N, C-alpha and C. Protein backbone atom coordinates (compact mmCIF):
# COMPACT_ATOMS: atom_id res chain seq x y z
N MET A 1 9.81 -3.63 -11.99
CA MET A 1 8.78 -2.92 -11.22
C MET A 1 9.36 -2.27 -9.97
N LYS A 2 8.97 -0.95 -9.74
CA LYS A 2 9.47 -0.51 -8.50
C LYS A 2 8.16 0.39 -7.97
N LEU A 3 8.56 0.50 -6.39
CA LEU A 3 7.52 1.21 -5.72
C LEU A 3 8.23 2.28 -5.17
N ILE A 4 7.85 3.49 -5.56
CA ILE A 4 8.42 4.71 -5.24
C ILE A 4 7.49 5.35 -3.95
N ILE A 5 8.33 5.54 -2.95
CA ILE A 5 7.50 6.10 -1.73
C ILE A 5 8.28 7.52 -1.33
N ALA A 6 7.61 8.37 -1.56
CA ALA A 6 7.92 9.90 -1.22
C ALA A 6 7.42 10.51 -0.09
N TYR A 7 7.92 11.00 0.80
CA TYR A 7 7.55 11.98 1.81
C TYR A 7 7.93 13.24 1.42
N ILE A 8 6.86 14.03 1.30
CA ILE A 8 6.99 15.61 0.81
C ILE A 8 6.10 16.48 1.92
N PRO A 9 6.34 17.96 1.95
CA PRO A 9 5.77 18.60 2.62
C PRO A 9 4.23 18.82 2.17
N VAL A 10 3.29 19.04 2.79
CA VAL A 10 2.12 19.26 2.43
C VAL A 10 1.74 20.21 1.09
N GLU A 11 2.38 21.25 1.59
CA GLU A 11 2.13 22.50 0.52
C GLU A 11 2.72 22.51 -0.78
N ARG A 12 3.44 21.15 -0.98
CA ARG A 12 4.08 20.79 -2.19
C ARG A 12 3.28 19.82 -3.24
N LEU A 13 2.26 19.24 -2.86
CA LEU A 13 1.73 18.22 -3.22
C LEU A 13 1.00 18.58 -4.53
N ASP A 14 0.34 19.85 -4.71
CA ASP A 14 -0.17 20.22 -5.95
C ASP A 14 1.04 20.43 -7.18
N ALA A 15 2.10 20.80 -6.94
CA ALA A 15 3.57 21.10 -7.87
C ALA A 15 3.69 19.63 -8.12
N VAL A 16 3.92 18.86 -7.09
CA VAL A 16 4.24 17.57 -7.37
C VAL A 16 3.44 16.62 -8.32
N LYS A 17 1.89 16.85 -8.20
CA LYS A 17 1.08 16.02 -8.64
C LYS A 17 0.97 16.69 -10.40
N LYS A 18 1.25 17.98 -10.65
CA LYS A 18 1.28 18.55 -11.59
C LYS A 18 2.46 18.33 -12.83
N GLU A 19 3.54 18.03 -11.90
CA GLU A 19 4.83 17.79 -12.50
C GLU A 19 4.95 16.18 -13.00
N LEU A 20 4.27 15.54 -12.11
CA LEU A 20 4.15 14.00 -12.70
C LEU A 20 3.06 13.71 -13.97
N ASP A 21 2.10 14.56 -13.56
CA ASP A 21 0.84 14.49 -14.64
C ASP A 21 1.54 15.07 -16.04
N GLU A 22 2.22 15.63 -16.00
CA GLU A 22 3.28 16.05 -17.21
C GLU A 22 3.93 15.10 -17.63
N ARG A 23 4.60 14.49 -16.95
CA ARG A 23 5.33 13.23 -16.95
C ARG A 23 4.52 11.94 -17.41
N GLU A 24 3.20 12.04 -17.64
CA GLU A 24 2.37 10.87 -17.56
C GLU A 24 2.43 9.80 -16.90
N VAL A 25 2.99 10.35 -15.42
CA VAL A 25 2.52 9.47 -14.10
C VAL A 25 1.30 9.88 -13.58
N HIS A 26 0.31 9.03 -13.59
CA HIS A 26 -1.11 9.48 -13.12
C HIS A 26 -1.39 8.74 -11.72
N ARG A 27 -1.21 7.62 -11.57
CA ARG A 27 -1.52 6.88 -10.49
C ARG A 27 -0.55 6.85 -9.27
N MET A 28 -1.45 7.03 -8.18
CA MET A 28 -0.61 7.15 -6.88
C MET A 28 -1.43 7.21 -5.88
N SER A 29 -1.12 7.19 -4.61
CA SER A 29 -1.65 6.87 -3.42
C SER A 29 -1.04 7.83 -2.42
N ILE A 30 -1.97 8.71 -1.94
CA ILE A 30 -1.43 9.78 -1.03
C ILE A 30 -1.99 9.77 0.58
N THR A 31 -1.17 9.49 1.12
CA THR A 31 -1.39 9.24 2.65
C THR A 31 -1.03 10.56 3.71
N ARG A 32 -1.60 10.89 4.39
CA ARG A 32 -1.12 11.93 5.47
C ARG A 32 -0.36 11.33 6.25
N SER A 33 0.59 11.84 6.67
CA SER A 33 1.70 11.18 7.65
C SER A 33 2.40 12.38 8.54
N LYS A 34 3.09 12.01 9.35
CA LYS A 34 3.95 12.99 10.35
C LYS A 34 5.09 11.80 10.76
N GLY A 35 6.16 13.16 10.71
CA GLY A 35 7.65 12.60 10.77
C GLY A 35 8.43 13.62 11.38
N CYS A 36 9.77 13.14 11.47
CA CYS A 36 10.70 13.84 12.13
C CYS A 36 12.12 13.64 11.21
N GLY A 37 12.70 14.66 11.09
CA GLY A 37 14.22 14.39 10.56
C GLY A 37 15.18 15.74 11.29
N VAL A 38 15.94 16.10 10.28
CA VAL A 38 17.00 17.12 10.68
C VAL A 38 16.35 18.45 11.71
N GLN A 39 15.25 18.64 11.04
CA GLN A 39 14.35 19.97 11.63
C GLN A 39 14.12 19.86 12.99
N LYS A 40 13.89 18.61 13.43
CA LYS A 40 13.54 18.43 15.05
C LYS A 40 12.00 18.98 15.24
N GLY A 41 11.37 19.78 14.80
CA GLY A 41 9.94 20.17 15.20
C GLY A 41 10.35 21.65 15.59
N TYR A 42 9.05 22.16 16.56
CA TYR A 42 9.21 23.26 17.03
C TYR A 42 8.14 23.39 18.49
N MET A 43 8.29 24.45 19.27
CA MET A 43 7.50 24.64 20.32
C MET A 43 6.41 25.35 19.90
N GLU A 44 5.13 24.82 20.58
CA GLU A 44 3.81 25.32 20.63
C GLU A 44 3.49 25.86 22.08
N SER A 45 2.54 26.77 21.91
CA SER A 45 2.29 27.40 23.36
C SER A 45 0.28 26.87 23.29
N TYR A 46 -0.35 26.27 24.32
CA TYR A 46 -1.57 26.38 24.13
C TYR A 46 -1.84 26.77 25.63
N ARG A 47 -2.95 27.64 26.10
CA ARG A 47 -3.14 27.92 26.99
C ARG A 47 -2.23 28.18 28.07
N GLY A 48 -1.21 28.77 27.67
CA GLY A 48 -0.34 29.08 28.66
C GLY A 48 0.82 27.95 28.82
N ALA A 49 0.54 26.71 28.19
CA ALA A 49 1.24 25.40 28.49
C ALA A 49 2.05 25.38 27.12
N LYS A 50 3.29 24.98 27.47
CA LYS A 50 4.53 24.94 26.18
C LYS A 50 4.44 23.59 26.03
N LYS A 51 4.49 23.15 24.60
CA LYS A 51 4.38 21.51 24.17
C LYS A 51 5.63 21.53 23.11
N GLU A 52 6.31 20.73 22.89
CA GLU A 52 7.21 20.39 21.82
C GLU A 52 6.42 19.55 20.94
N ILE A 53 6.48 19.96 19.49
CA ILE A 53 5.86 19.40 18.39
C ILE A 53 6.98 18.93 17.46
N ASN A 54 7.32 17.44 17.45
CA ASN A 54 8.57 17.17 16.86
C ASN A 54 8.24 16.24 15.87
N LEU A 55 6.72 15.96 15.57
CA LEU A 55 6.33 14.97 14.50
C LEU A 55 5.71 16.18 13.65
N LEU A 56 6.22 16.48 12.43
CA LEU A 56 5.77 17.27 11.65
C LEU A 56 4.92 16.81 10.56
N PRO A 57 3.83 17.24 10.04
CA PRO A 57 2.86 17.01 8.95
C PRO A 57 3.62 16.63 7.74
N ASN A 58 3.36 15.73 6.96
CA ASN A 58 3.74 15.69 5.73
C ASN A 58 2.95 14.80 5.06
N LEU A 59 3.25 14.26 3.48
CA LEU A 59 2.49 13.45 2.81
C LEU A 59 3.15 12.34 2.41
N ARG A 60 2.39 11.10 2.30
CA ARG A 60 3.40 9.79 1.59
C ARG A 60 2.68 9.68 0.33
N LEU A 61 3.45 9.65 -0.63
CA LEU A 61 3.30 9.26 -1.97
C LEU A 61 3.63 7.90 -2.04
N GLU A 62 2.77 6.90 -2.49
CA GLU A 62 3.09 5.69 -3.03
C GLU A 62 3.03 5.49 -4.55
N ILE A 63 4.03 5.02 -5.27
CA ILE A 63 3.70 5.51 -6.76
C ILE A 63 4.30 3.97 -7.34
N ALA A 64 3.43 3.10 -7.79
CA ALA A 64 3.99 1.81 -8.44
C ALA A 64 4.30 2.17 -9.98
N VAL A 65 5.61 1.90 -10.61
CA VAL A 65 5.96 2.28 -11.77
C VAL A 65 6.77 1.03 -12.38
N ASN A 66 6.49 0.95 -13.68
CA ASN A 66 7.57 0.07 -14.36
C ASN A 66 8.82 0.83 -14.65
N GLU A 67 9.70 -0.12 -15.00
CA GLU A 67 11.15 0.42 -14.81
C GLU A 67 11.30 1.63 -15.75
N ASP A 68 10.62 1.67 -16.87
CA ASP A 68 10.44 2.76 -17.76
C ASP A 68 10.43 4.38 -16.96
N TYR A 69 9.38 4.18 -15.89
CA TYR A 69 9.22 5.50 -15.61
C TYR A 69 9.85 5.69 -14.20
N VAL A 70 10.67 4.99 -13.67
CA VAL A 70 11.33 5.05 -12.32
C VAL A 70 12.18 6.45 -12.47
N LYS A 71 12.95 6.82 -13.39
CA LYS A 71 13.89 8.12 -13.33
C LYS A 71 12.92 9.25 -13.61
N THR A 72 11.99 8.96 -14.64
CA THR A 72 11.37 10.19 -14.56
C THR A 72 10.31 10.86 -13.60
N THR A 73 9.92 9.60 -12.94
CA THR A 73 8.98 9.88 -11.56
C THR A 73 10.00 10.29 -10.57
N VAL A 74 10.96 9.83 -10.26
CA VAL A 74 12.06 10.71 -9.17
C VAL A 74 12.37 11.78 -9.46
N GLU A 75 12.63 12.32 -11.01
CA GLU A 75 13.05 13.33 -11.30
C GLU A 75 11.88 14.43 -10.92
N GLY A 76 10.81 14.06 -11.44
CA GLY A 76 9.67 14.98 -11.11
C GLY A 76 9.37 15.17 -9.93
N ILE A 77 9.50 14.25 -8.98
CA ILE A 77 9.13 14.62 -7.34
C ILE A 77 10.08 15.61 -6.93
N ILE A 78 11.51 15.23 -7.32
CA ILE A 78 12.43 16.15 -6.87
C ILE A 78 12.33 17.67 -7.54
N ARG A 79 12.07 17.75 -8.61
CA ARG A 79 11.90 19.13 -9.48
C ARG A 79 10.78 19.69 -8.71
N ALA A 80 9.73 19.14 -8.14
CA ALA A 80 8.30 19.91 -7.65
C ALA A 80 8.66 20.11 -6.25
N ALA A 81 9.25 19.20 -5.70
CA ALA A 81 9.06 19.19 -4.19
C ALA A 81 10.70 20.00 -3.58
N ARG A 82 11.62 20.29 -4.13
CA ARG A 82 12.99 20.85 -3.92
C ARG A 82 12.30 22.01 -3.54
N THR A 83 12.76 22.97 -2.38
CA THR A 83 13.03 24.35 -2.14
C THR A 83 14.29 24.53 -1.52
N GLY A 84 15.23 23.68 -1.55
CA GLY A 84 16.25 23.85 -0.76
C GLY A 84 16.49 23.95 0.70
N ASN A 85 15.43 23.78 1.24
CA ASN A 85 15.37 23.68 2.72
C ASN A 85 15.20 22.65 3.46
N ILE A 86 15.60 22.41 4.74
CA ILE A 86 15.61 21.29 5.34
C ILE A 86 13.59 21.25 5.44
N GLY A 87 13.60 19.96 5.28
CA GLY A 87 12.14 19.21 5.11
C GLY A 87 11.78 19.17 4.07
N ASP A 88 12.50 19.05 2.93
CA ASP A 88 11.84 18.83 1.61
C ASP A 88 11.39 17.50 1.47
N GLY A 89 11.79 16.60 2.45
CA GLY A 89 11.44 15.27 1.92
C GLY A 89 12.57 14.49 1.84
N LYS A 90 11.96 13.07 1.46
CA LYS A 90 12.85 11.66 1.20
C LYS A 90 12.10 11.10 0.05
N ILE A 91 12.73 10.25 -0.82
CA ILE A 91 12.43 9.27 -1.70
C ILE A 91 12.98 8.07 -1.25
N PHE A 92 11.94 6.91 -1.48
CA PHE A 92 12.54 5.82 -1.28
C PHE A 92 12.21 4.56 -2.60
N ILE A 93 13.04 4.12 -3.03
CA ILE A 93 12.76 3.26 -4.25
C ILE A 93 12.88 1.62 -4.13
N LEU A 94 12.15 0.88 -3.88
CA LEU A 94 11.98 -0.53 -3.56
C LEU A 94 11.67 -1.55 -4.62
N PRO A 95 11.95 -2.50 -4.69
CA PRO A 95 11.95 -3.37 -5.87
C PRO A 95 10.24 -3.81 -5.65
N MET A 96 9.67 -4.30 -6.25
CA MET A 96 8.24 -4.64 -6.10
C MET A 96 7.94 -6.04 -7.06
N GLU A 97 7.55 -6.86 -6.16
CA GLU A 97 7.72 -8.44 -6.64
C GLU A 97 6.96 -8.41 -7.70
N ASP A 98 5.35 -8.01 -7.17
CA ASP A 98 4.24 -8.31 -8.40
C ASP A 98 3.23 -7.16 -8.06
N CYS A 99 2.41 -6.92 -9.07
CA CYS A 99 1.15 -6.20 -8.88
C CYS A 99 0.11 -6.72 -9.59
N ILE A 100 -1.22 -6.61 -8.88
CA ILE A 100 -2.33 -7.30 -9.59
C ILE A 100 -3.26 -6.38 -9.54
N ARG A 101 -3.70 -6.15 -10.71
CA ARG A 101 -4.98 -5.11 -11.08
C ARG A 101 -6.17 -6.26 -10.76
N ILE A 102 -6.92 -5.87 -9.67
CA ILE A 102 -7.78 -6.56 -9.21
C ILE A 102 -9.25 -6.86 -10.09
N ARG A 103 -9.51 -6.00 -10.75
CA ARG A 103 -10.63 -5.99 -11.81
C ARG A 103 -10.53 -6.94 -12.92
N THR A 104 -9.27 -7.04 -13.41
CA THR A 104 -8.78 -7.62 -14.72
C THR A 104 -8.25 -9.10 -14.25
N GLY A 105 -7.33 -9.18 -13.17
CA GLY A 105 -6.72 -10.15 -13.04
C GLY A 105 -5.19 -10.35 -13.36
N GLU A 106 -5.15 -8.96 -14.16
CA GLU A 106 -3.60 -9.10 -14.96
C GLU A 106 -2.49 -8.67 -13.82
N HIS A 107 -1.64 -9.32 -13.90
CA HIS A 107 0.06 -9.42 -13.13
C HIS A 107 0.82 -8.62 -13.76
N GLY A 108 1.85 -8.12 -12.77
CA GLY A 108 3.31 -7.80 -13.33
C GLY A 108 2.76 -6.30 -14.01
N PRO A 109 3.73 -5.74 -14.90
CA PRO A 109 3.67 -4.38 -15.51
C PRO A 109 2.57 -4.08 -16.46
N ASP A 110 1.91 -5.27 -16.93
CA ASP A 110 0.45 -4.72 -17.25
C ASP A 110 -0.58 -4.46 -16.19
N ALA A 111 -0.44 -4.63 -15.07
CA ALA A 111 -1.26 -4.29 -14.03
C ALA A 111 -0.93 -2.87 -13.65
N ILE A 112 0.41 -2.50 -13.62
CA ILE A 112 0.52 -1.19 -13.44
C ILE A 112 0.19 -0.22 -14.47
N GLY A 113 0.60 -0.57 -15.64
CA GLY A 113 -0.24 0.47 -16.95
C GLY A 113 0.83 1.09 -17.03
N GLY A 114 0.66 2.34 -17.82
CA GLY A 114 1.43 3.66 -18.22
C GLY A 114 1.66 3.59 -19.74
N ASP A 115 0.92 2.71 -20.28
CA ASP A 115 1.00 3.22 -21.81
C ASP A 115 -0.37 3.58 -22.14
N SER A 116 -0.44 4.06 -23.29
CA SER A 116 -1.76 4.67 -24.10
C SER A 116 -3.02 3.87 -23.66
N LYS A 117 -3.10 2.54 -23.77
CA LYS A 117 -4.25 1.89 -23.47
C LYS A 117 -4.87 2.18 -22.05
N TYR A 118 -3.98 2.42 -21.02
CA TYR A 118 -4.47 2.83 -19.84
C TYR A 118 -4.58 4.21 -19.63
N LYS A 119 -5.11 5.21 -20.40
CA LYS A 119 -5.42 6.44 -20.26
C LYS A 119 -6.62 6.63 -19.47
N THR A 120 -6.45 7.78 -18.54
CA THR A 120 -7.63 8.08 -18.10
C THR A 120 -8.80 8.78 -18.66
N LYS A 121 -10.25 8.81 -18.29
CA LYS A 121 -11.15 9.48 -18.97
C LYS A 121 -10.83 10.97 -19.28
N LYS A 122 -9.84 11.55 -18.26
CA LYS A 122 -9.86 12.91 -18.59
C LYS A 122 -8.55 13.18 -19.73
N SER A 123 -7.74 12.38 -19.98
CA SER A 123 -6.67 12.34 -20.72
C SER A 123 -7.19 11.68 -22.28
N ARG A 124 -8.37 11.25 -22.11
CA ARG A 124 -8.73 10.75 -23.66
C ARG A 124 -9.55 11.94 -24.57
N LYS A 125 -9.61 13.00 -24.00
CA LYS A 125 -10.11 14.10 -24.69
C LYS A 125 -9.94 14.42 -26.09
């Protein structure tokens, strides 16, 4: 089991979600965040006062996956988020000791899901 943490530009979210959905990766948490990297930010003027904005808005995606889904998840994020410009984001892949589904008490890969018995209502049509 792995925890994939990806930082992507806000405007790439719809494309990333669509790409991951096509790859059968449906579960994720998304948090608004701010960060800085190579692009360093920009200058903004408000009521005549200039201010340096060096923490740019982005989104943090957290996706817990079984080993079988690591490669396709990472490839999907890259495919949908990459523009070739500075600020496309970063992906971190961390080992995950355990996952517990609170509703059922399941542990490990079964708690993450990913096979047909865990399809969402939308995909059951």
